[in-house]
Protein backbone atom coordinates (compact mmCIF):
# COMPACT_ATOMS: atom_id res chain seq x y z
CA MET A 1 -76.37 72.26 -4.02
CA ALA A 2 -72.77 71.34 -4.78
CA ARG A 3 -70.16 72.94 -2.57
CA LYS A 4 -68.24 75.65 -4.38
CA ARG A 5 -64.63 74.65 -4.87
CA LYS A 6 -62.22 76.92 -3.03
CA GLU A 7 -60.05 78.96 -5.38
CA LEU A 8 -56.40 78.08 -4.87
CA PRO A 9 -53.93 80.96 -4.75
CA VAL A 10 -51.10 82.20 -6.94
CA VAL A 11 -47.97 82.44 -4.80
CA GLU A 12 -45.66 85.20 -6.01
CA ASN A 13 -41.87 84.90 -5.96
CA PHE A 14 -41.91 81.23 -5.05
CA GLU A 15 -38.44 79.67 -5.10
CA ILE A 16 -37.72 76.20 -6.44
CA THR A 17 -35.14 74.64 -4.12
CA GLY A 18 -34.74 71.02 -5.20
CA VAL A 19 -35.58 68.08 -7.42
CA ALA A 20 -38.23 65.55 -6.42
CA ALA A 21 -39.60 62.21 -7.59
CA GLU A 22 -41.17 61.63 -11.01
CA GLY A 23 -39.10 64.39 -12.59
CA LYS A 24 -40.76 67.20 -10.64
CA SER A 25 -39.10 70.02 -8.72
CA LEU A 26 -40.03 71.24 -5.25
CA GLY A 27 -40.10 74.19 -2.91
CA ARG A 28 -41.80 75.18 0.35
CA TRP A 29 -44.93 77.26 0.81
CA ASN A 30 -45.70 77.95 4.43
CA ASP A 31 -45.37 74.49 6.02
CA LEU A 32 -46.08 72.54 2.83
CA VAL A 33 -43.75 70.97 0.29
CA VAL A 34 -45.00 71.92 -3.18
CA PHE A 35 -44.23 69.76 -6.21
CA VAL A 36 -43.88 71.62 -9.52
CA PRO A 37 -43.25 70.11 -12.97
CA TYR A 38 -40.54 71.58 -15.24
CA GLY A 39 -38.91 73.66 -12.50
CA ALA A 40 -35.18 73.96 -11.83
CA PRO A 41 -33.48 74.60 -8.48
CA GLY A 42 -32.94 78.35 -8.24
CA ASP A 43 -36.00 79.32 -10.30
CA VAL A 44 -38.09 82.14 -8.86
CA ILE A 45 -41.65 81.85 -10.16
CA ASP A 46 -45.21 82.91 -9.65
CA LEU A 47 -46.73 79.59 -8.58
CA LYS A 48 -50.29 78.59 -9.41
CA VAL A 49 -51.33 76.12 -6.70
CA THR A 50 -53.44 73.40 -8.35
CA ARG A 51 -53.88 70.94 -5.49
CA LYS A 52 -53.56 71.22 -1.73
CA LYS A 53 -53.45 68.37 0.75
CA HIS A 54 -52.60 68.22 4.46
CA SER A 55 -48.93 67.34 3.95
CA PHE A 56 -48.13 68.61 0.45
CA ALA A 57 -49.34 70.67 -2.47
CA GLU A 58 -48.93 70.68 -6.24
CA GLY A 59 -48.61 73.61 -8.58
CA GLN A 60 -47.60 74.94 -11.97
CA ILE A 61 -45.35 77.71 -13.20
CA ALA A 62 -47.69 80.64 -13.90
CA ARG A 63 -44.87 83.06 -14.69
CA MET A 64 -41.11 82.82 -14.66
CA VAL A 65 -39.86 85.71 -12.51
CA LYS A 66 -36.17 84.77 -12.56
CA PRO A 67 -34.85 81.63 -14.24
CA SER A 68 -32.26 79.53 -12.45
CA GLU A 69 -28.64 79.75 -13.54
CA VAL A 70 -28.80 75.97 -13.80
CA ARG A 71 -31.33 76.07 -16.64
CA VAL A 72 -30.49 75.26 -20.25
CA GLU A 73 -32.65 75.68 -23.34
CA PRO A 74 -34.76 72.56 -24.06
CA PHE A 75 -33.84 71.05 -27.42
CA CYS A 76 -37.29 69.72 -28.38
CA GLU A 77 -40.21 71.74 -29.70
CA HIS A 78 -42.59 69.41 -27.83
CA PHE A 79 -40.98 69.90 -24.41
CA GLY A 80 -43.57 70.41 -21.68
CA LEU A 81 -46.42 68.94 -23.71
CA CYS A 82 -45.68 65.34 -24.67
CA GLY A 83 -44.77 64.30 -21.11
CA GLY A 84 -41.45 62.69 -22.03
CA CYS A 85 -37.89 63.95 -21.43
CA LYS A 86 -38.99 66.09 -18.47
CA TRP A 87 -35.42 67.12 -17.61
CA GLN A 88 -34.42 68.70 -20.93
CA HIS A 89 -34.10 72.04 -19.16
CA LEU A 90 -31.42 70.64 -16.83
CA PRO A 91 -27.78 70.08 -17.93
CA TYR A 92 -26.89 66.42 -18.27
CA ASP A 93 -24.21 66.53 -15.56
CA PHE A 94 -26.81 68.02 -13.20
CA GLN A 95 -29.28 65.26 -14.13
CA LEU A 96 -26.66 62.65 -13.25
CA GLY A 97 -26.13 64.27 -9.88
CA CYS A 98 -29.88 64.14 -9.19
CA LYS A 99 -30.04 60.47 -10.13
CA GLN A 100 -27.03 59.68 -7.96
CA GLN A 101 -28.77 61.35 -5.04
CA GLN A 102 -31.97 59.45 -5.79
CA VAL A 103 -30.06 56.18 -5.31
CA VAL A 104 -28.36 57.45 -2.15
CA ASP A 105 -31.66 58.59 -0.63
CA ALA A 106 -33.48 55.33 -1.41
CA LEU A 107 -30.77 53.06 -0.04
CA GLU A 108 -30.05 55.11 3.06
CA ARG A 109 -33.64 55.96 4.00
CA ILE A 110 -35.37 52.70 3.08
CA ALA A 111 -32.79 49.90 3.22
CA LYS A 112 -31.09 51.15 6.39
CA VAL A 113 -28.32 48.59 6.02
CA GLU A 114 -24.57 49.02 6.09
CA LEU A 115 -23.49 50.42 2.72
CA PRO A 116 -20.14 50.96 1.02
CA GLU A 117 -19.43 54.25 -0.71
CA ILE A 118 -21.65 54.43 -3.77
CA ASN A 119 -19.78 54.53 -7.08
CA PRO A 120 -20.26 57.62 -9.27
CA ILE A 121 -23.14 57.09 -11.69
CA LEU A 122 -22.26 55.72 -15.10
CA GLY A 123 -23.62 58.25 -17.60
CA SER A 124 -24.83 57.46 -21.10
CA ALA A 125 -22.36 58.25 -23.88
CA GLU A 126 -25.32 59.22 -26.06
CA THR A 127 -27.93 61.53 -24.62
CA LEU A 128 -29.95 62.01 -27.83
CA ARG A 129 -31.42 59.41 -30.19
CA TYR A 130 -30.45 56.62 -27.83
CA ARG A 131 -33.69 54.58 -27.85
CA ASN A 132 -34.02 51.55 -30.09
CA LYS A 133 -37.81 51.32 -29.71
CA LEU A 134 -40.69 53.82 -29.80
CA GLU A 135 -44.44 53.46 -30.17
CA PHE A 136 -46.69 56.14 -31.64
CA THR A 137 -50.48 56.36 -31.53
CA PHE A 138 -52.86 57.56 -34.25
CA SER A 139 -55.71 59.77 -33.07
CA ASN A 140 -58.47 61.83 -34.58
CA LYS A 141 -58.17 64.17 -31.58
CA ASN A 142 -54.91 66.03 -32.03
CA TRP A 143 -54.00 67.91 -28.85
CA LEU A 144 -54.27 71.67 -29.32
CA THR A 145 -52.99 74.31 -26.93
CA ARG A 146 -55.33 76.89 -25.41
CA GLU A 147 -53.81 79.51 -27.70
CA GLN A 148 -54.56 77.39 -30.76
CA LEU A 149 -58.13 76.74 -29.64
CA GLU A 150 -58.77 80.43 -29.01
CA SER A 151 -57.17 81.60 -32.25
CA GLY A 152 -60.17 80.66 -34.38
CA GLU A 153 -57.85 78.97 -36.85
CA VAL A 154 -58.85 75.56 -38.24
CA PHE A 155 -56.29 72.85 -37.41
CA ASP A 156 -55.82 69.32 -38.68
CA ARG A 157 -57.17 67.07 -35.94
CA ASN A 158 -55.37 63.93 -37.15
CA ALA A 159 -52.28 63.10 -35.11
CA LEU A 160 -49.59 60.46 -34.85
CA GLY A 161 -47.58 60.83 -31.69
CA PHE A 162 -47.69 60.43 -27.91
CA HIS A 163 -50.61 60.42 -25.50
CA ILE A 164 -50.93 63.61 -23.49
CA PRO A 165 -50.42 62.88 -19.77
CA GLY A 166 -53.78 62.93 -18.01
CA SER A 167 -55.75 62.96 -21.27
CA PHE A 168 -56.02 59.37 -22.45
CA ASP A 169 -58.04 60.28 -25.55
CA LYS A 170 -55.75 63.08 -26.77
CA VAL A 171 -52.54 62.61 -28.72
CA LEU A 172 -49.86 65.20 -29.38
CA ASN A 173 -48.79 65.16 -33.02
CA ILE A 174 -45.01 64.70 -33.01
CA ASN A 175 -43.04 66.41 -35.75
CA LYS A 176 -39.57 65.46 -34.53
CA CYS A 177 -38.55 63.16 -31.68
CA TRP A 178 -34.99 63.31 -30.42
CA LEU A 179 -35.15 59.94 -28.70
CA GLN A 180 -34.61 57.70 -31.72
CA ASP A 181 -32.63 57.60 -34.97
CA GLU A 182 -33.90 60.09 -37.56
CA ILE A 183 -35.29 57.23 -39.65
CA GLY A 184 -38.01 56.98 -37.01
CA ASP A 185 -39.08 60.55 -37.76
CA GLU A 186 -39.07 59.88 -41.50
CA ILE A 187 -41.19 56.75 -41.15
CA ARG A 188 -43.68 58.34 -38.76
CA VAL A 189 -44.22 61.47 -40.86
CA PHE A 190 -44.56 59.47 -44.07
CA VAL A 191 -47.12 57.02 -42.64
CA ARG A 192 -49.14 59.84 -41.08
CA ASN A 193 -49.21 61.91 -44.26
CA TYR A 194 -49.90 58.95 -46.54
CA ALA A 195 -52.83 57.73 -44.41
CA ALA A 196 -54.28 61.24 -44.26
CA GLU A 197 -53.94 61.80 -48.01
CA LYS A 198 -55.65 58.49 -48.77
CA GLY A 199 -58.46 59.35 -46.36
CA TYR A 200 -57.89 56.43 -44.01
CA SER A 201 -59.50 57.23 -40.67
CA PHE A 202 -57.34 57.81 -37.58
CA TYR A 203 -58.25 55.97 -34.40
CA ASP A 204 -60.91 57.26 -32.01
CA ILE A 205 -60.12 55.70 -28.64
CA ARG A 206 -63.50 56.51 -27.10
CA GLY A 207 -65.44 54.85 -29.90
CA ASN A 208 -62.84 52.15 -30.69
CA VAL A 209 -63.17 52.99 -34.37
CA GLY A 210 -60.77 54.15 -37.06
CA MET A 211 -58.46 52.42 -39.50
CA MET A 212 -55.01 53.59 -38.35
CA ARG A 213 -54.17 52.75 -34.71
CA MET A 214 -50.45 52.54 -33.85
CA ILE A 215 -46.95 52.05 -35.18
CA MET A 216 -43.92 50.58 -33.43
CA VAL A 217 -40.45 51.43 -34.74
CA ARG A 218 -37.37 49.49 -33.64
CA VAL A 219 -33.89 50.48 -34.83
CA ALA A 220 -31.19 48.05 -33.73
CA SER A 221 -27.56 48.91 -33.07
CA THR A 222 -26.79 46.70 -36.09
CA GLY A 223 -28.73 49.13 -38.30
CA GLU A 224 -31.61 46.73 -38.86
CA ILE A 225 -35.10 48.26 -38.69
CA MET A 226 -38.45 46.79 -37.67
CA LEU A 227 -41.76 48.53 -38.30
CA VAL A 228 -45.07 47.17 -37.02
CA VAL A 229 -48.23 48.95 -38.16
CA VAL A 230 -51.34 48.29 -36.08
CA PHE A 231 -54.74 48.62 -37.76
CA SER A 232 -58.11 48.49 -36.05
CA GLU A 233 -60.20 47.50 -39.06
CA PRO A 234 -59.79 44.28 -41.09
CA ASN A 235 -59.75 46.13 -44.43
CA GLN A 236 -57.15 44.06 -46.26
CA GLU A 237 -57.18 46.19 -49.40
CA ALA A 238 -56.37 49.33 -47.41
CA ILE A 239 -53.80 47.45 -45.29
CA ASN A 240 -52.01 46.23 -48.41
CA ASP A 241 -52.06 49.75 -49.81
CA VAL A 242 -50.43 51.25 -46.69
CA MET A 243 -47.90 48.45 -46.26
CA GLY A 244 -46.99 48.51 -49.96
CA ALA A 245 -46.39 52.25 -49.85
CA ILE A 246 -44.14 51.87 -46.81
CA LYS A 247 -42.15 49.07 -48.42
CA GLU A 248 -41.59 51.13 -51.55
CA ARG A 249 -40.57 54.27 -49.65
CA PHE A 250 -38.38 52.52 -47.05
CA PRO A 251 -36.63 49.51 -48.63
CA GLN A 252 -34.11 49.62 -45.75
CA VAL A 253 -36.77 48.31 -43.33
CA THR A 254 -35.64 44.73 -42.75
CA SER A 255 -38.74 43.59 -40.85
CA LEU A 256 -42.06 45.03 -42.02
CA MET A 257 -45.05 43.66 -40.12
CA TYR A 258 -48.65 44.48 -39.27
CA CYS A 259 -51.37 43.59 -36.81
CA ILE A 260 -55.15 43.95 -36.75
CA ASN A 261 -56.20 44.82 -33.19
CA LEU A 262 -59.96 44.96 -32.66
CA LYS A 263 -59.74 45.16 -28.86
CA VAL A 264 -60.36 48.26 -26.77
CA ASN A 265 -56.86 48.22 -25.26
CA ASP A 266 -53.68 48.83 -27.25
CA ASN A 267 -51.66 45.87 -25.96
CA ILE A 268 -50.72 43.62 -28.88
CA ALA A 269 -48.90 40.96 -26.83
CA ASP A 270 -51.88 38.63 -27.31
CA GLN A 271 -52.43 39.52 -30.96
CA GLU A 272 -51.20 37.81 -34.13
CA ILE A 273 -48.53 39.88 -35.83
CA LEU A 274 -48.21 39.17 -39.53
CA LEU A 275 -45.09 39.48 -41.68
CA TYR A 276 -45.50 41.66 -44.78
CA SER A 277 -41.91 41.63 -46.01
CA GLY A 278 -38.41 40.82 -44.81
CA ARG A 279 -37.76 38.75 -41.66
CA ASP A 280 -39.96 38.50 -38.57
CA TYR A 281 -37.09 39.68 -36.35
CA ILE A 282 -34.15 42.04 -36.20
CA GLU A 283 -30.84 41.42 -34.46
CA GLU A 284 -28.89 43.25 -31.78
CA GLU A 285 -25.19 42.53 -31.27
CA MET A 286 -23.10 42.47 -28.11
CA GLU A 287 -19.52 41.14 -27.87
CA GLY A 288 -20.09 39.01 -30.94
CA LEU A 289 -23.36 37.58 -29.61
CA ARG A 290 -26.43 38.07 -31.79
CA PHE A 291 -29.79 38.58 -30.09
CA ARG A 292 -32.93 38.07 -32.16
CA ILE A 293 -35.64 40.61 -31.35
CA GLY A 294 -39.18 39.84 -32.45
CA PRO A 295 -42.13 42.25 -32.40
CA LYS A 296 -43.10 41.10 -28.89
CA SER A 297 -39.58 40.70 -27.49
CA PHE A 298 -38.25 42.74 -24.60
CA TYR A 299 -34.82 44.27 -25.04
CA GLN A 300 -33.28 47.16 -23.14
CA THR A 301 -34.27 50.26 -25.10
CA ASN A 302 -30.83 51.90 -24.86
CA SER A 303 -28.70 49.32 -26.66
CA LYS A 304 -25.27 50.83 -26.06
CA GLN A 305 -25.90 51.59 -22.41
CA ALA A 306 -27.39 48.12 -21.91
CA TYR A 307 -23.96 46.75 -22.81
CA GLU A 308 -22.38 48.91 -20.09
CA LEU A 309 -25.04 47.78 -17.60
CA TYR A 310 -24.47 44.10 -18.37
CA LYS A 311 -20.71 44.51 -18.06
CA VAL A 312 -21.23 45.94 -14.57
CA ALA A 313 -23.45 42.98 -13.63
CA ARG A 314 -20.93 40.48 -15.01
CA ARG A 315 -18.05 42.13 -13.17
CA MET A 316 -19.94 42.05 -9.86
CA ALA A 317 -20.74 38.35 -10.42
CA LYS A 318 -16.96 37.59 -10.32
CA LEU A 319 -17.34 34.53 -12.51
CA THR A 320 -14.43 32.12 -12.99
CA GLY A 321 -16.07 29.61 -15.31
CA ASN A 322 -17.01 27.10 -12.61
CA GLU A 323 -20.20 28.69 -11.25
CA LEU A 324 -23.82 27.68 -11.53
CA VAL A 325 -25.68 30.96 -12.10
CA TYR A 326 -29.39 31.60 -11.65
CA ASP A 327 -30.66 34.52 -13.74
CA LEU A 328 -34.01 35.51 -12.23
CA TYR A 329 -36.45 37.59 -14.33
CA THR A 330 -34.27 36.72 -17.33
CA GLY A 331 -36.59 38.22 -19.96
CA THR A 332 -35.30 37.10 -23.36
CA GLY A 333 -32.16 35.74 -21.73
CA THR A 334 -29.88 38.62 -22.62
CA ILE A 335 -27.93 38.62 -19.35
CA ALA A 336 -28.01 34.82 -19.13
CA ASN A 337 -26.47 34.42 -22.57
CA PHE A 338 -24.11 37.34 -22.00
CA VAL A 339 -22.51 35.73 -18.92
CA SER A 340 -22.73 32.12 -20.14
CA ARG A 341 -19.14 32.08 -21.48
CA GLN A 342 -17.82 32.78 -17.98
CA ALA A 343 -20.07 30.27 -16.16
CA ARG A 344 -20.45 26.50 -15.91
CA GLN A 345 -24.19 26.74 -16.40
CA VAL A 346 -26.85 29.46 -16.36
CA ILE A 347 -30.50 28.83 -15.45
CA GLY A 348 -32.94 31.57 -16.41
CA ILE A 349 -36.49 32.00 -15.11
CA GLU A 350 -39.06 34.38 -16.57
CA TYR A 351 -42.85 34.87 -16.32
CA VAL A 352 -43.53 35.39 -20.06
CA PRO A 353 -43.43 32.13 -22.09
CA GLU A 354 -42.73 33.95 -25.38
CA ALA A 355 -39.71 35.62 -23.80
CA ILE A 356 -38.36 32.23 -22.71
CA GLU A 357 -38.73 30.94 -26.27
CA ASP A 358 -36.69 33.96 -27.41
CA ALA A 359 -34.08 33.17 -24.75
CA LYS A 360 -33.75 29.57 -25.94
CA LEU A 361 -33.54 30.74 -29.54
CA ASN A 362 -30.81 33.24 -28.70
CA SER A 363 -28.79 30.48 -27.06
CA ARG A 364 -29.17 28.27 -30.14
CA VAL A 365 -28.22 30.90 -32.70
CA ASN A 366 -25.10 31.74 -30.70
CA GLY A 367 -24.07 28.14 -30.18
CA ILE A 368 -24.53 28.37 -26.40
CA ASP A 369 -25.25 24.99 -24.84
CA ASN A 370 -24.89 25.68 -21.10
CA THR A 371 -28.18 27.54 -20.52
CA LEU A 372 -31.55 26.27 -19.31
CA PHE A 373 -34.70 28.38 -19.28
CA TYR A 374 -38.00 28.00 -17.42
CA ALA A 375 -41.25 29.95 -17.78
CA GLY A 376 -43.65 30.74 -14.97
CA ASP A 377 -44.42 33.04 -12.06
CA MET A 378 -41.14 33.49 -10.18
CA LYS A 379 -42.55 32.62 -6.75
CA ASP A 380 -44.08 29.43 -8.19
CA VAL A 381 -41.04 28.27 -10.19
CA LEU A 382 -38.21 29.29 -7.87
CA THR A 383 -38.86 27.10 -4.84
CA ASP A 384 -36.66 25.22 -2.42
CA ALA A 385 -37.54 22.07 -4.37
CA PHE A 386 -36.40 23.70 -7.65
CA VAL A 387 -33.04 24.57 -6.07
CA ALA A 388 -32.70 21.04 -4.69
CA GLU A 389 -33.35 19.59 -8.14
CA HIS A 390 -31.19 21.95 -10.22
CA GLY A 391 -28.42 22.68 -7.76
CA ARG A 392 -27.50 25.42 -5.36
CA PRO A 393 -26.16 28.38 -7.35
CA GLU A 394 -22.90 30.08 -6.54
CA VAL A 395 -24.25 33.30 -8.09
CA MET A 396 -27.72 34.75 -8.53
CA ILE A 397 -28.41 37.66 -10.88
CA VAL A 398 -31.83 39.24 -10.33
CA ASP A 399 -33.44 41.92 -12.48
CA PRO A 400 -37.05 42.18 -11.27
CA PRO A 401 -39.78 44.56 -12.49
CA ARG A 402 -40.34 47.91 -10.77
CA ALA A 403 -42.34 46.27 -7.97
CA GLY A 404 -39.24 44.36 -6.87
CA MET A 405 -39.16 40.76 -5.59
CA HIS A 406 -41.95 38.85 -3.87
CA GLU A 407 -41.15 37.97 -0.27
CA ASP A 408 -41.40 34.25 -1.12
CA VAL A 409 -38.69 34.69 -3.76
CA VAL A 410 -36.43 36.47 -1.27
CA ASN A 411 -36.91 33.62 1.21
CA VAL A 412 -35.89 31.01 -1.38
CA ILE A 413 -32.78 33.06 -2.19
CA LEU A 414 -31.92 33.22 1.50
CA ASN A 415 -32.39 29.46 1.82
CA ALA A 416 -30.27 28.78 -1.28
CA GLU A 417 -27.43 30.92 0.09
CA PRO A 418 -25.57 31.73 -3.14
CA GLN A 419 -22.12 33.18 -2.48
CA ARG A 420 -22.93 36.31 -4.48
CA ILE A 421 -26.06 38.16 -5.58
CA VAL A 422 -26.11 40.81 -8.28
CA TYR A 423 -29.30 42.86 -8.00
CA VAL A 424 -30.15 44.97 -11.08
CA SER A 425 -33.05 47.35 -10.51
CA CYS A 426 -34.99 50.04 -12.36
CA ASN A 427 -36.50 51.21 -9.06
CA PRO A 428 -34.01 51.94 -6.24
CA ALA A 429 -36.87 52.27 -3.72
CA THR A 430 -38.13 48.68 -4.08
CA GLN A 431 -34.55 47.50 -4.43
CA ALA A 432 -33.79 49.11 -1.06
CA ARG A 433 -36.77 47.32 0.51
CA ASP A 434 -35.48 43.98 -0.79
CA LEU A 435 -31.93 44.71 0.41
CA ALA A 436 -33.33 45.14 3.91
CA MET A 437 -34.81 41.63 3.72
CA LEU A 438 -31.56 40.16 2.36
CA ASP A 439 -29.50 41.85 5.08
CA VAL A 440 -30.05 38.95 7.46
CA LYS A 441 -27.49 36.92 5.47
CA TYR A 442 -25.90 39.31 2.95
CA ARG A 443 -23.79 42.41 3.04
CA VAL A 444 -23.70 45.00 0.27
CA VAL A 445 -20.19 45.22 -1.21
CA GLU A 446 -20.69 47.47 -4.26
CA ILE A 447 -23.28 49.89 -5.62
CA GLN A 448 -23.22 51.18 -9.19
CA PRO A 449 -25.94 53.54 -10.52
CA VAL A 450 -26.31 53.51 -14.33
CA ASP A 451 -28.19 56.06 -16.41
CA MET A 452 -30.17 54.34 -19.16
CA PHE A 453 -32.59 57.19 -19.93
CA PRO A 454 -31.06 60.68 -20.26
CA HIS A 455 -33.42 63.65 -19.77
CA THR A 456 -35.76 61.55 -17.61
CA HIS A 457 -35.77 60.90 -13.86
CA HIS A 458 -35.38 57.14 -14.29
CA VAL A 459 -32.22 55.45 -13.04
CA GLU A 460 -30.95 51.86 -12.96
CA ASN A 461 -28.93 50.64 -10.02
CA VAL A 462 -26.75 47.55 -9.69
CA VAL A 463 -25.90 46.22 -6.23
CA GLY A 464 -23.41 43.48 -5.47
CA LEU A 465 -23.98 41.39 -2.33
CA GLU A 466 -21.91 38.68 -0.70
CA LEU A 467 -22.86 36.01 1.81
CA ARG A 468 -21.82 37.02 5.31
């Protein structure tokens, strides 16, 4: 006989006292820290404990007894369901303070190296409709609330929106998303309604069946628009019908493309993406430089704030025009090309071959002839032999993924001994770990947090280091 699961309690008049990782809030219950989503410091709630471990617990707001004075009204009708923008209920200035503290805590508690005073976080000028790229999923299992399910009313089960956290096969139908330009809403609603009216089936992730699978919308700062529609059935007549309707309704889309993905997973990086009309790229602009963005290209999703981030990195690099710069994890070469005018030469290294081709292309279209790009795993490409062959850099700019740098990469950097390192990170915790390894030869001279994603807990951090 299975052991009966112990019923977890409801804790009355529980006070939220702080903000925690992953956008959650926290408070204390007996000797346990309890993590609670969508809470605000100062809230008094009835807490439903959902999980209890030896050192912590998790819970949900069962009833709001007294809302915090910090709270503001969320602006999105989907707040609390779609899983995005988890800090809408917190004022933006308060969010910035939390992110600043996140950087302070990570560097002080993990790095444990000598630090200068951390600069005030650089907030985003735009806190709504700041994203240039969004992806939406079709599903024949529209997420319904308990109230909707119990109402007895019949609801449309077709959805085009975001996956519900913790329910991989359920999608929340999005009516309006405040993250992207309004044209994204118009395109999404039109495609959803048109497909439904024509009777084209929406994707069933469990069965890997259904005609309509995904759309990706990119809106560049230049005003150019890319739309990629992903189908999961090779029905060319239906594909042409959908794509033709989109082209007629949205002539302003400058890059209209589609893909037929028959795989179980949604990743289209290994799929052929076909051009229906327009060009197979859009362009971003930064200080007169044009960056071509293809359907598989990586580009910072907050275009305007990316410019501020790159200016910080360039300033910390202290370039005079005579330096050899290594740009590690260069992606599509945005930073490499951005700093190339102030450097003698820039060498970029990136794992993804397609990204390196984009980087080379972006150099060519901008008339930049002092960049070199190499594709491959960083720890395999960046070796002592590579440095001996290409020259010891005066400056290294590193922008690794969330996992940070491999220890082998750090060792090569230490052996190369560049005069300055600019470390751009989307994860202050792994950045702090790497700073501890670099401390043997480098001192931290400047720290600049940058907010790229308002209403989320994510924060970028730029650290300048100099050789001791």
